[in-house]
Protein backbone atom coordinates (compact mmCIF):
# COMPACT_ATOMS: atom_id res chain seq x y z
CA MET A 1 68.80 -237.99 -14.11
CA LEU A 2 67.99 -240.88 -16.59
CA ARG A 3 68.64 -243.95 -15.14
CA ALA A 4 68.48 -247.24 -16.81
CA GLY A 5 68.96 -251.03 -16.64
CA ALA A 6 68.48 -253.68 -19.23
CA ALA A 7 68.12 -258.01 -19.62
CA GLU A 8 67.69 -260.86 -21.90
CA VAL A 9 66.02 -263.83 -21.01
CA ASP A 10 66.14 -267.54 -23.50
CA ILE A 11 62.94 -268.36 -23.72
CA THR A 12 63.85 -270.97 -26.33
CA PRO A 13 61.33 -273.97 -25.69
CA GLU A 14 62.41 -277.63 -26.49
CA ILE A 15 62.96 -279.86 -29.18
CA GLY A 16 60.10 -281.60 -30.33
CA ARG A 17 57.29 -278.54 -29.65
CA ARG A 18 54.93 -276.89 -32.24
CA VAL A 19 56.37 -273.79 -34.39
CA PRO A 20 53.51 -271.70 -34.88
CA GLY A 21 53.89 -269.32 -38.36
CA GLN A 22 53.15 -271.83 -41.41
CA TRP A 23 49.56 -272.87 -42.48
CA LEU A 24 49.55 -276.84 -40.94
CA ARG A 25 51.44 -277.94 -37.93
CA ARG A 26 55.60 -277.89 -37.66
CA VAL A 27 57.52 -279.70 -34.84
CA SER A 28 60.95 -278.22 -33.96
CA GLU A 29 63.74 -280.80 -34.73
CA SER A 30 65.93 -278.09 -33.94
CA VAL A 31 67.35 -274.50 -32.90
CA HIS A 32 69.20 -272.34 -35.22
CA ASP A 33 69.83 -269.12 -33.04
CA PRO A 34 67.89 -268.89 -29.42
CA LEU A 35 64.85 -266.92 -28.75
CA LEU A 36 64.84 -264.07 -26.23
CA ALA A 37 62.95 -261.50 -24.13
CA ASN A 38 64.99 -258.51 -24.37
CA ALA A 39 63.89 -255.67 -21.80
CA LEU A 40 64.28 -252.44 -20.75
CA VAL A 41 64.45 -250.17 -17.81
CA LEU A 42 63.92 -246.45 -17.75
CA GLU A 43 63.28 -244.23 -14.48
CA HIS A 44 63.52 -240.18 -14.67
CA SER A 45 62.09 -238.42 -11.69
CA ASP A 46 60.28 -241.40 -10.26
CA VAL A 47 58.57 -242.48 -13.57
CA ARG A 48 59.48 -246.03 -14.56
CA VAL A 49 58.65 -247.43 -18.13
CA ALA A 50 59.81 -250.70 -19.49
CA LEU A 51 59.84 -251.73 -22.84
CA VAL A 52 59.44 -255.75 -24.17
CA SER A 53 60.49 -257.58 -26.75
CA VAL A 54 60.23 -261.13 -27.54
CA ASP A 55 60.82 -263.29 -29.98
CA ALA A 56 57.40 -264.86 -30.76
CA LEU A 57 54.65 -265.04 -33.42
CA SER A 58 52.54 -262.54 -31.84
CA LEU A 59 51.75 -262.07 -27.99
CA LYS A 60 48.35 -263.76 -26.44
CA ASN A 61 46.14 -260.85 -24.84
CA LEU A 62 45.39 -263.08 -22.07
CA LEU A 63 49.14 -262.98 -21.69
CA VAL A 64 50.17 -260.06 -21.25
CA ALA A 65 47.92 -258.81 -18.69
CA GLU A 66 49.15 -261.89 -16.71
CA ALA A 67 53.17 -260.78 -17.67
CA ARG A 68 51.89 -256.60 -16.71
CA ASN A 69 50.46 -258.22 -13.33
CA LEU A 70 53.58 -260.33 -12.36
CA ILE A 71 55.96 -257.35 -13.39
CA LEU A 72 53.81 -255.02 -11.45
CA ASN A 73 54.16 -257.51 -8.57
CA MET A 74 57.54 -257.74 -8.59
CA THR A 75 58.86 -254.10 -9.53
CA GLY A 76 56.17 -251.74 -8.81
CA ILE A 77 56.00 -250.41 -12.51
CA PRO A 78 52.41 -250.06 -13.41
CA PRO A 79 50.81 -252.19 -16.65
CA ASP A 80 50.44 -249.35 -18.58
CA HIS A 81 53.68 -248.19 -18.39
CA VAL A 82 54.59 -251.64 -19.52
CA LEU A 83 54.64 -252.25 -23.60
CA LEU A 84 54.53 -255.57 -24.54
CA HIS A 85 56.12 -256.58 -28.28
CA ALA A 86 56.40 -259.68 -30.38
CA THR A 87 59.01 -259.40 -33.12
CA HIS A 88 56.46 -261.53 -35.77
CA THR A 89 58.90 -264.38 -36.10
CA HIS A 90 57.84 -267.00 -37.64
CA THR A 91 60.23 -269.59 -36.31
CA GLY A 92 59.13 -268.73 -32.66
CA PRO A 93 56.99 -270.88 -29.07
CA PRO A 94 53.96 -272.20 -29.27
CA ALA A 95 52.76 -269.37 -27.48
CA VAL A 96 49.63 -268.36 -29.45
CA ASP A 97 46.80 -270.32 -31.01
CA VAL A 98 46.70 -269.32 -35.06
CA LEU A 99 45.55 -271.70 -38.21
CA GLY A 100 46.78 -274.56 -37.87
CA THR A 101 48.53 -274.74 -34.43
CA GLU A 102 47.84 -274.26 -31.28
CA SER A 103 49.52 -272.57 -28.38
CA ASP A 104 51.55 -275.01 -25.59
CA PRO A 105 49.97 -274.32 -22.16
CA GLU A 106 53.17 -275.17 -20.39
CA VAL A 107 55.86 -272.92 -23.29
CA VAL A 108 52.80 -269.76 -22.03
CA LEU A 109 53.35 -269.93 -18.70
CA ARG A 110 56.94 -270.25 -18.81
CA LEU A 111 57.10 -267.11 -21.28
CA THR A 112 54.89 -265.39 -19.28
CA ASN A 113 57.26 -265.98 -16.66
CA ALA A 114 60.62 -265.09 -18.38
CA ILE A 115 59.09 -261.87 -19.64
CA ALA A 116 57.95 -260.52 -16.30
CA ALA A 117 62.01 -262.23 -15.57
CA ALA A 118 63.01 -260.28 -17.37
CA VAL A 119 61.55 -256.95 -16.78
CA ALA A 120 62.40 -257.47 -12.92
CA ALA A 121 66.33 -258.23 -14.16
CA ALA A 122 66.73 -254.83 -15.35
CA ASP A 123 64.84 -252.99 -12.94
CA ARG A 124 67.58 -254.07 -10.37
CA ARG A 125 70.52 -253.10 -12.50
CA LEU A 126 69.26 -249.44 -13.25
CA ARG A 127 72.37 -247.40 -13.03
CA PRO A 128 72.60 -243.53 -14.19
CA ALA A 129 72.82 -243.33 -18.07
CA THR A 130 72.56 -240.54 -21.02
CA VAL A 131 70.12 -241.99 -24.37
CA ALA A 132 70.77 -240.95 -28.00
CA THR A 133 67.70 -240.79 -30.24
CA TRP A 134 67.68 -240.89 -33.67
CA THR A 135 65.55 -241.43 -37.14
CA GLY A 136 67.31 -242.06 -40.40
CA SER A 137 66.53 -244.11 -43.70
CA ALA A 138 67.35 -247.74 -44.60
CA PRO A 139 66.59 -248.36 -47.75
CA ASN A 140 66.58 -251.13 -49.87
CA LEU A 141 65.58 -253.66 -47.40
CA ALA A 142 61.87 -254.36 -47.19
CA PHE A 143 59.42 -254.33 -49.62
CA VAL A 144 55.50 -254.41 -50.01
CA ARG A 145 54.35 -257.71 -50.69
CA ARG A 146 50.95 -257.46 -51.86
CA PHE A 147 50.83 -257.23 -55.79
CA ARG A 148 47.58 -256.16 -58.07
CA MET A 149 47.45 -258.69 -61.06
CA ARG A 150 45.81 -258.87 -64.29
CA ASP A 151 43.00 -259.99 -63.41
CA GLY A 152 42.26 -258.21 -61.52
CA SER A 153 43.10 -259.72 -58.17
CA VAL A 154 45.59 -258.94 -55.17
CA GLN A 155 48.39 -261.55 -54.00
CA MET A 156 51.00 -261.79 -51.68
CA HIS A 157 53.79 -262.92 -52.57
CA PRO A 158 53.42 -263.82 -56.62
CA PRO A 159 55.37 -265.70 -58.28
CA LYS A 160 59.22 -263.72 -58.97
CA GLY A 161 58.93 -261.82 -62.05
CA SER A 162 55.48 -263.29 -63.01
CA PRO A 163 54.35 -261.17 -66.58
CA ASP A 164 50.51 -261.14 -64.28
CA ILE A 165 52.38 -258.51 -62.24
CA LEU A 166 50.91 -255.13 -62.66
CA GLU A 167 52.31 -252.82 -59.58
CA PRO A 168 53.04 -253.26 -55.67
CA GLU A 169 50.36 -252.23 -54.28
CA ASP A 170 51.91 -249.64 -51.67
CA VAL A 171 55.63 -248.94 -51.05
CA ALA A 172 57.39 -249.86 -48.09
CA ASP A 173 58.51 -247.74 -45.43
CA PRO A 174 62.35 -247.03 -45.61
CA THR A 175 62.06 -245.14 -41.93
CA ILE A 176 64.92 -246.82 -39.12
CA CYS A 177 64.40 -245.38 -35.65
CA GLY A 178 66.33 -246.37 -32.21
CA LEU A 179 67.87 -245.83 -29.07
CA HIS A 180 71.03 -246.29 -28.08
CA LEU A 181 72.06 -245.89 -24.09
CA TRP A 182 75.17 -245.41 -22.74
CA SER A 183 76.12 -245.54 -18.73
CA THR A 184 77.67 -242.34 -17.52
CA GLU A 185 80.99 -244.36 -17.29
CA GLY A 186 80.26 -245.01 -21.13
CA ASP A 187 79.45 -248.88 -21.26
CA LEU A 188 76.31 -249.36 -23.73
CA LEU A 189 74.10 -250.63 -21.87
CA ALA A 190 71.27 -251.00 -24.71
CA VAL A 191 69.99 -250.76 -28.02
CA CYS A 192 66.38 -250.18 -29.37
CA VAL A 193 65.79 -250.34 -32.61
CA ASN A 194 62.36 -249.94 -35.00
CA PHE A 195 62.27 -251.18 -38.08
CA ALA A 196 59.25 -252.92 -40.27
CA CYS A 197 59.78 -255.98 -42.03
CA HIS A 198 57.97 -260.15 -42.27
CA PRO A 199 60.25 -261.63 -39.95
CA ILE A 200 60.08 -264.48 -42.41
CA VAL A 201 63.82 -265.07 -43.83
CA VAL A 202 64.41 -268.90 -42.86
CA GLY A 203 60.72 -270.15 -44.02
CA GLY A 204 59.10 -272.47 -43.41
CA ALA A 205 61.99 -274.08 -41.60
CA ALA A 206 61.29 -276.55 -38.19
CA TYR A 207 63.00 -275.46 -35.67
CA TYR A 208 63.52 -272.25 -34.01
CA SER A 209 64.75 -268.83 -34.90
CA ALA A 210 64.38 -265.06 -33.76
CA ASP A 211 64.76 -264.83 -38.14
CA TYR A 212 66.21 -261.36 -38.98
CA PRO A 213 66.10 -259.54 -35.56
CA GLY A 214 68.06 -262.24 -34.04
CA ALA A 215 70.51 -261.61 -36.90
CA VAL A 216 69.97 -258.09 -35.70
CA ARG A 217 71.12 -258.27 -32.17
CA ARG A 218 73.73 -260.58 -33.21
CA ALA A 219 75.49 -257.93 -36.02
CA LEU A 220 74.81 -255.08 -32.85
CA LYS A 221 77.05 -256.75 -30.06
CA ARG A 222 79.84 -257.28 -32.71
CA GLN A 223 80.13 -253.75 -33.04
CA TYR A 224 79.35 -253.07 -29.24
CA GLY A 225 79.95 -255.95 -27.17
CA ASP A 226 78.21 -259.01 -25.21
CA ALA A 227 77.04 -257.01 -22.75
CA ALA A 228 74.49 -254.76 -24.70
CA THR A 229 70.88 -255.56 -24.80
CA VAL A 230 69.10 -255.53 -28.25
CA VAL A 231 65.36 -253.84 -27.83
CA TYR A 232 64.31 -255.32 -31.56
CA LEU A 233 60.83 -253.51 -32.07
CA ASN A 234 59.46 -254.59 -35.36
CA GLY A 235 57.18 -252.07 -37.07
CA PRO A 236 54.16 -252.39 -39.04
CA CYS A 237 55.02 -254.93 -41.66
CA GLY A 238 51.63 -256.61 -41.91
CA ASP A 239 51.84 -255.85 -45.75
CA VAL A 240 55.95 -255.63 -46.09
CA GLY A 241 58.77 -258.18 -46.55
CA PRO A 242 62.09 -259.27 -46.89
CA ASP A 243 61.54 -259.86 -51.03
CA ASN A 244 60.74 -258.00 -54.24
CA ALA A 245 58.36 -260.04 -56.29
CA ALA A 246 59.00 -257.02 -59.01
CA GLU A 247 62.67 -257.48 -59.52
CA ALA A 248 64.96 -260.48 -60.79
CA GLY A 249 66.96 -262.15 -59.33
CA PRO A 250 66.90 -264.33 -56.34
CA HIS A 251 64.58 -264.46 -53.64
CA ARG A 252 65.34 -262.94 -50.56
CA TYR A 253 65.23 -265.94 -48.31
CA GLY A 254 67.52 -268.48 -46.92
CA GLU A 255 70.62 -268.15 -44.56
CA ALA A 256 73.69 -266.08 -46.26
CA TRP A 257 70.00 -263.17 -46.47
CA LEU A 258 69.42 -263.56 -42.46
CA GLU A 259 72.56 -262.30 -41.94
CA ARG A 260 72.74 -259.64 -45.41
CA ILE A 261 69.23 -258.43 -43.70
CA GLY A 262 70.25 -258.20 -40.43
CA SER A 263 73.35 -256.60 -40.91
CA GLY A 264 71.97 -253.93 -43.05
CA ILE A 265 69.33 -252.86 -40.67
CA ALA A 266 72.36 -252.96 -37.70
CA GLY A 267 74.96 -250.70 -39.68
CA PHE A 268 71.99 -248.56 -40.41
CA ALA A 269 71.65 -248.59 -37.50
CA VAL A 270 75.28 -247.86 -36.22
CA GLY A 271 75.39 -244.89 -38.67
CA HIS A 272 72.39 -242.83 -37.78
CA ALA A 273 73.30 -243.42 -34.19
CA SER A 274 77.43 -242.10 -34.72
CA VAL A 275 75.45 -238.58 -35.27
CA ALA A 276 73.00 -238.02 -32.21
CA GLU A 277 73.87 -236.38 -29.35
CA PRO A 278 72.90 -237.95 -26.03
CA THR A 279 70.83 -236.53 -22.87
CA ASP A 280 70.26 -237.99 -19.79
CA ASP A 281 67.27 -234.82 -19.65
CA VAL A 282 64.33 -237.37 -20.66
CA PRO A 283 60.59 -237.05 -19.10
CA LEU A 284 59.32 -240.22 -19.43
CA ARG A 285 55.35 -240.61 -19.71
CA ALA A 286 53.00 -243.29 -20.80
CA SER A 287 49.25 -243.27 -21.74
CA THR A 288 46.97 -246.16 -23.08
CA ALA A 289 44.09 -245.54 -25.65
CA ARG A 290 41.40 -248.08 -26.39
CA ALA A 291 39.39 -248.45 -29.37
CA ARG A 292 36.35 -251.04 -30.06
CA LEU A 293 36.83 -253.05 -32.93
CA PRO A 294 33.54 -254.75 -34.63
CA LEU A 295 34.28 -257.86 -36.06
CA ARG A 296 33.46 -258.35 -39.59
CA GLU A 297 30.10 -261.05 -40.34
CA VAL A 298 31.08 -264.34 -41.84
CA PRO A 299 28.63 -264.83 -45.34
CA ALA A 300 25.37 -267.08 -44.42
CA ASP A 301 26.82 -269.14 -47.30
CA LEU A 302 30.33 -270.01 -46.11
CA VAL A 303 29.01 -270.79 -42.85
CA ARG A 304 27.19 -273.51 -44.41
CA GLU A 305 29.70 -274.88 -46.02
CA ALA A 306 31.38 -274.79 -43.28
CA GLU A 307 29.51 -276.97 -41.39
CA ALA A 308 28.77 -279.42 -43.77
CA ARG A 309 32.33 -279.68 -44.73
CA LEU A 310 33.78 -280.08 -41.49
CA SER A 311 30.60 -282.63 -40.41
CA GLY A 312 31.18 -285.08 -37.93
CA ALA A 313 34.98 -283.49 -37.43
CA ASP A 314 36.66 -282.70 -34.20
CA LEU A 315 36.20 -278.80 -33.91
CA SER A 316 38.66 -278.56 -30.78
CA VAL A 317 41.71 -278.87 -32.85
CA PRO A 318 42.13 -277.28 -36.43
CA PRO A 319 42.44 -279.34 -39.04
CA GLN A 320 46.11 -279.84 -41.04
CA ASP A 321 44.50 -279.94 -44.33
CA VAL A 322 44.19 -276.23 -45.88
CA GLU A 323 41.52 -275.91 -47.73
CA LEU A 324 39.13 -277.37 -44.43
CA LEU A 325 41.46 -275.38 -42.44
CA ARG A 326 40.54 -272.44 -43.79
CA LEU A 327 36.65 -273.10 -43.32
CA TRP A 328 36.96 -274.25 -40.17
CA GLU A 329 39.05 -270.57 -39.14
CA ALA A 330 35.52 -269.08 -41.06
CA LEU A 331 34.04 -271.42 -38.50
CA ALA A 332 35.86 -269.58 -35.64
CA VAL A 333 35.34 -266.04 -36.91
CA HIS A 334 31.48 -266.89 -37.06
CA ARG A 335 31.16 -268.80 -33.47
CA GLU A 336 33.48 -265.51 -31.57
CA ARG A 337 31.24 -263.34 -33.14
CA GLN A 338 28.56 -264.77 -31.63
CA GLU A 339 29.32 -264.06 -28.57
CA HIS A 340 30.82 -260.33 -28.87
CA ASP A 341 30.86 -258.69 -32.05
CA ALA A 342 33.72 -256.30 -31.62
CA VAL A 343 37.12 -256.85 -29.47
CA GLU A 344 38.33 -254.04 -27.05
CA ALA A 345 41.93 -253.37 -28.52
CA GLU A 346 44.87 -251.41 -26.39
CA VAL A 347 47.59 -248.88 -28.27
CA THR A 348 50.21 -247.63 -26.10
CA ALA A 349 51.85 -244.57 -26.17
CA VAL A 350 55.22 -244.61 -23.73
CA ALA A 351 57.77 -240.91 -24.48
CA ILE A 352 60.99 -240.55 -23.80
CA GLY A 353 61.85 -237.07 -24.06
CA ASP A 354 61.74 -235.88 -27.43
CA SER A 355 61.09 -239.13 -28.74
CA VAL A 356 57.69 -241.78 -28.49
CA VAL A 357 57.10 -245.36 -28.90
CA VAL A 358 53.75 -246.24 -30.08
CA GLY A 359 51.96 -250.08 -29.82
CA LEU A 360 49.94 -251.05 -32.06
CA PRO A 361 48.19 -254.85 -31.36
CA GLY A 362 48.07 -256.48 -33.89
CA GLU A 363 49.71 -257.08 -37.80
CA ILE A 364 49.40 -253.63 -39.20
CA PHE A 365 49.45 -252.29 -43.12
CA VAL A 366 52.48 -250.53 -43.42
CA GLU A 367 50.27 -247.12 -44.09
CA PHE A 368 49.40 -246.45 -40.82
CA GLY A 369 52.23 -246.57 -39.87
CA ARG A 370 52.74 -243.76 -41.96
CA GLN A 371 49.91 -242.16 -40.61
CA VAL A 372 50.68 -242.65 -36.67
CA ARG A 373 54.18 -241.32 -37.41
CA ALA A 374 52.35 -238.34 -39.69
CA ALA A 375 50.48 -237.70 -36.35
CA SER A 376 53.32 -237.19 -33.85
CA PRO A 377 54.18 -233.96 -32.12
CA PHE A 378 57.01 -235.86 -30.67
CA ALA A 379 61.32 -235.72 -32.86
CA HIS A 380 61.52 -239.26 -32.95
CA THR A 381 58.23 -241.72 -33.75
CA LEU A 382 58.87 -245.63 -32.86
CA VAL A 383 55.83 -247.56 -34.25
CA ALA A 384 56.07 -251.08 -32.57
CA GLU A 385 52.84 -253.67 -33.87
CA LEU A 386 52.14 -256.75 -32.37
CA ALA A 387 52.47 -254.30 -28.85
CA SER A 388 50.01 -255.07 -26.06
CA GLY A 389 48.37 -258.22 -28.13
CA CYS A 390 47.35 -259.64 -30.63
CA HIS A 391 43.80 -258.88 -33.01
CA GLY A 392 45.33 -260.04 -36.37
CA TYR A 393 45.75 -258.56 -39.73
CA VAL A 394 44.53 -254.89 -39.90
CA PRO A 395 45.14 -254.50 -43.95
CA THR A 396 43.91 -250.91 -45.14
CA PRO A 397 39.95 -250.74 -45.97
CA GLN A 398 41.49 -250.32 -49.43
CA ALA A 399 43.01 -253.72 -49.67
CA PHE A 400 39.69 -256.03 -48.49
CA PRO A 401 38.66 -255.61 -52.54
CA GLY A 402 41.34 -257.22 -54.14
CA GLY A 403 40.89 -260.17 -52.04
CA GLY A 404 44.57 -261.85 -50.88
CA TYR A 405 45.84 -263.76 -47.61
CA GLU A 406 45.96 -260.67 -44.87
CA THR A 407 42.38 -260.13 -45.88
CA TRP A 408 40.68 -263.87 -45.60
CA LEU A 409 38.58 -264.26 -43.23
CA ALA A 410 40.13 -266.28 -39.92
CA ARG A 411 40.96 -265.66 -35.90
CA SER A 412 44.04 -263.66 -37.98
CA SER A 413 41.90 -261.56 -40.16
CA LYS A 414 39.05 -260.97 -38.40
CA LEU A 415 38.14 -257.37 -38.00
CA THR A 416 36.80 -254.50 -40.20
CA PRO A 417 37.85 -252.49 -42.71
CA GLU A 418 37.59 -249.50 -40.49
CA ALA A 419 40.54 -250.94 -37.25
CA GLY A 420 42.91 -249.22 -39.06
CA GLU A 421 41.70 -246.22 -38.81
CA LEU A 422 40.51 -246.35 -35.21
CA LEU A 423 43.57 -248.12 -34.18
CA VAL A 424 45.00 -244.82 -35.60
CA ASP A 425 42.43 -242.55 -33.97
CA ALA A 426 43.23 -244.43 -30.61
CA ALA A 427 47.14 -243.48 -31.13
CA ARG A 428 46.86 -239.92 -31.38
CA ARG A 429 44.75 -239.71 -28.24
CA ALA A 430 47.37 -241.92 -26.18
CA LEU A 431 50.14 -239.24 -28.98
CA VAL A 432 48.29 -236.29 -27.48
CA ALA A 433 47.98 -237.88 -23.57
CA VAL A 434 51.86 -237.64 -23.48
CA GLY A 435 52.77 -234.67 -25.60
CA ARG A 436 55.64 -232.17 -24.32
């Protein structure tokens, strides 16, 4: 018999703290909508697993390790049975060091505790349940944001309708997957939704917001009631966003589009779930596979330029000038590579009956999500990026020659072109380990 429990915890920081997600530092002036940590705990035959979705740009690798240890102490759920995911909202808490924004140690500590508290609360609420798993399509809600240009370059978000656009570099993946958890009394306990789109609908706003994943939650709660916990798992969207630069018309940003995109995703979830058959026969399995991801070497001339331009500057904090920041970031990668030439990445697979959730630790390009799903033996495969930590952008090898923001050398893009293939291979190994 399956048992399920779910909980949400508010993680919104105080006004006046930083907001990561843009090149330069921002400070929050208000709260548009609350930031949450949403947890789902499942138990079957004495095996327990936890899925946690956090409204944050990403989760520090150290934060993930510490939160898992807290969860182990509070609930007994093993660390490799806990999948922690960041939705990648660009208006979340200052919990990561990225580009021009430093993390806030106090916020990191509180977020770590809040994640563990959400899992512990969900674990206390375990009750007999059934699950309905579904897969479908949600077209015209996400688009590739990198375009090949007439000059041979690749641009992220080129001017909308520009005559210099030749074609998109790839195509978005409209796949939407999910789980609906019902108590045996008929109450909806939780909804888990997996779809791939960059949460940048509110843009560079100086406030806290969960972006469109928050709008998905609001729409689903209107449908099912406030008691339902919504665990949103953002898919591989490193090169996918809400706007289509190739089409005429207004940009898909701002308040109206926030609700429209969120309601659209929620509507597809409700429709696809309506024909899914619930069951309580869902054996649980979890496995972790590791991959060694090499760091790119920073060209010597770039190192010399960065050292010359930043001579005399305080290198302990990122400069608040985009040109200097790009040099500072390249120098940061160079210093990291002098300490170690690779990072150890973790891929987590959590099998729930005939479905599986695969977590990849970075901003993954959409093609790798398709490859993981194609390699999966499960009927339903939910692929989540920014899970089990973060190691920056993971572009395809074909993306590097054209350049573009996602390939620029920085702490947020420091891996060699084969990193994605190494992560897909790790995902295959994890899938084999949890396979039916």
